[in-house]
Amino acid sequence: MRLIALLILVTPGIIATLGIKLIRDTLFGISHPIFFHISIQFIVGVLFLLGGIAFIGGFIRHRDKKRKQTNGRF
């Protein structure tokens, strides 16, 4: 069961890392053949980064809320 939970947390981390790589490659002018234009590559990288961070943050917040470790609204 812990292995499944670990995989659920590692997958968004890998996606966020891929987003950082795509953003970095865009800034250095390296285009990947999957994307039609370099700006699309940047947008996809930002979405991957924000999505991965949001998922991990939501998971941590949900866990803390379940254990009653949060104060008030946040």
C-alpha atoms as a PDB file:
ATOM      1  CA  MET A   1       0.000   0.000   0.000  1.00  0.00           C
ATOM      2  CA  ARG A   2       2.855   2.376   0.762  1.00  0.00           C
ATOM      3  CA  LEU A   3       4.393   1.595  -2.619  1.00  0.00           C
ATOM      4  CA  ILE A   4       1.229   2.733  -4.383  1.00  0.00           C
ATOM      5  CA  ALA A   5       1.177   5.947  -2.325  1.00  0.00           C
ATOM      6  CA  LEU A   6       4.830   6.541  -3.196  1.00  0.00           C
ATOM      7  CA  LEU A   7       4.111   6.082  -6.909  1.00  0.00           C
ATOM      8  CA  ILE A   8       1.177   8.490  -6.666  1.00  0.00           C
ATOM      9  CA  LEU A   9       3.514  11.161  -5.243  1.00  0.00           C
ATOM     10  CA  VAL A  10       6.521  10.438  -7.464  1.00  0.00           C
ATOM     11  CA  THR A  11       4.594  10.657 -10.746  1.00  0.00           C
ATOM     12  CA  PRO A  12       3.568  14.341 -10.355  1.00  0.00           C
ATOM     13  CA  GLY A  13       7.108  15.092  -9.201  1.00  0.00           C
ATOM     14  CA  ILE A  14       8.478  13.623 -12.415  1.00  0.00           C
ATOM     15  CA  ILE A  15       5.923  15.587 -14.443  1.00  0.00           C
ATOM     16  CA  ALA A  16       6.933  18.815 -12.657  1.00  0.00           C
ATOM     17  CA  THR A  17      10.593  18.017 -13.372  1.00  0.00           C
ATOM     18  CA  LEU A  18       9.750  17.519 -17.040  1.00  0.00           C
ATOM     19  CA  GLY A  19       8.013  20.905 -16.980  1.00  0.00           C
ATOM     20  CA  ILE A  20      11.175  22.553 -15.605  1.00  0.00           C
ATOM     21  CA  LYS A  21      13.200  20.871 -18.350  1.00  0.00           C
ATOM     22  CA  LEU A  22      10.832  22.096 -21.069  1.00  0.00           C
ATOM     23  CA  ILE A  23      10.954  25.654 -19.721  1.00  0.00           C
ATOM     24  CA  ARG A  24      14.757  25.546 -19.540  1.00  0.00           C
ATOM     25  CA  ASP A  25      15.026  24.180 -23.077  1.00  0.00           C
ATOM     26  CA  THR A  26      12.728  26.944 -24.318  1.00  0.00           C
ATOM     27  CA  LEU A  27      14.866  29.634 -22.711  1.00  0.00           C
ATOM     28  CA  PHE A  28      17.996  28.193 -24.350  1.00  0.00           C
ATOM     29  CA  GLY A  29      16.274  27.816 -27.727  1.00  0.00           C
ATOM     30  CA  ILE A  30      16.206  24.013 -27.856  1.00  0.00           C
ATOM     31  CA  SER A  31      13.041  22.859 -29.608  1.00  0.00           C
ATOM     32  CA  HIS A  32      11.636  19.349 -29.290  1.00  0.00           C
ATOM     33  CA  PRO A  33      10.058  17.808 -32.406  1.00  0.00           C
ATOM     34  CA  ILE A  34       6.810  17.024 -30.548  1.00  0.00           C
ATOM     35  CA  PHE A  35       5.855  20.701 -30.311  1.00  0.00           C
ATOM     36  CA  PHE A  36       4.983  22.832 -33.334  1.00  0.00           C
ATOM     37  CA  HIS A  37       6.339  26.082 -31.945  1.00  0.00           C
ATOM     38  CA  ILE A  38       8.706  26.941 -29.127  1.00  0.00           C
ATOM     39  CA  SER A  39       6.058  29.003 -27.312  1.00  0.00           C
ATOM     40  CA  ILE A  40       3.770  25.954 -27.148  1.00  0.00           C
ATOM     41  CA  GLN A  41       6.654  24.067 -25.553  1.00  0.00           C
ATOM     42  CA  PHE A  42       6.962  26.811 -22.916  1.00  0.00           C
ATOM     43  CA  ILE A  43       3.228  26.784 -22.164  1.00  0.00           C
ATOM     44  CA  VAL A  44       3.184  22.993 -21.799  1.00  0.00           C
ATOM     45  CA  GLY A  45       6.216  23.210 -19.507  1.00  0.00           C
ATOM     46  CA  VAL A  46       4.508  25.774 -17.276  1.00  0.00           C
ATOM     47  CA  LEU A  47       1.338  23.661 -17.143  1.00  0.00           C
ATOM     48  CA  PHE A  48       3.329  20.544 -16.210  1.00  0.00           C
ATOM     49  CA  LEU A  49       5.216  22.435 -13.515  1.00  0.00           C
ATOM     50  CA  LEU A  50       2.145  24.057 -11.984  1.00  0.00           C
ATOM     51  CA  GLY A  51       0.097  20.859 -12.215  1.00  0.00           C
ATOM     52  CA  GLY A  52       2.748  18.770 -10.486  1.00  0.00           C
ATOM     53  CA  ILE A  53       3.297  21.289  -7.710  1.00  0.00           C
ATOM     54  CA  ALA A  54      -0.458  21.762  -7.220  1.00  0.00           C
ATOM     55  CA  PHE A  55      -1.030  18.007  -6.942  1.00  0.00           C
ATOM     56  CA  ILE A  56       1.746  17.506  -4.393  1.00  0.00           C
ATOM     57  CA  GLY A  57       0.635  20.574  -2.420  1.00  0.00           C
ATOM     58  CA  GLY A  58      -2.976  19.415  -2.430  1.00  0.00           C
ATOM     59  CA  PHE A  59      -1.946  15.972  -1.252  1.00  0.00           C
ATOM     60  CA  ILE A  60       0.089  17.415   1.637  1.00  0.00           C
ATOM     61  CA  ARG A  61      -2.734  19.787   2.590  1.00  0.00           C
ATOM     62  CA  HIS A  62      -5.284  16.964   2.506  1.00  0.00           C
ATOM     63  CA  ARG A  63      -3.054  14.772   4.669  1.00  0.00           C
ATOM     64  CA  ASP A  64      -2.460  17.546   7.205  1.00  0.00           C
ATOM     65  CA  LYS A  65      -6.149  18.405   7.299  1.00  0.00           C
ATOM     66  CA  LYS A  66      -6.995  14.763   7.906  1.00  0.00           C
ATOM     67  CA  ARG A  67      -4.516  14.622  10.824  1.00  0.00           C
ATOM     68  CA  LYS A  68      -5.856  17.925  12.185  1.00  0.00           C
ATOM     69  CA  GLN A  69      -2.520  19.727  11.825  1.00  0.00           C
ATOM     70  CA  THR A  70      -3.843  22.795  10.025  1.00  0.00           C
ATOM     71  CA  ASN A  71      -4.848  26.049  11.675  1.00  0.00           C
ATOM     72  CA  GLY A  72      -7.999  27.708  10.426  1.00  0.00           C
ATOM     73  CA  ARG A  73      -8.424  28.401   6.747  1.00  0.00           C
ATOM     74  CA  PHE A  74      -5.008  27.316   5.489  1.00  0.00           C
END
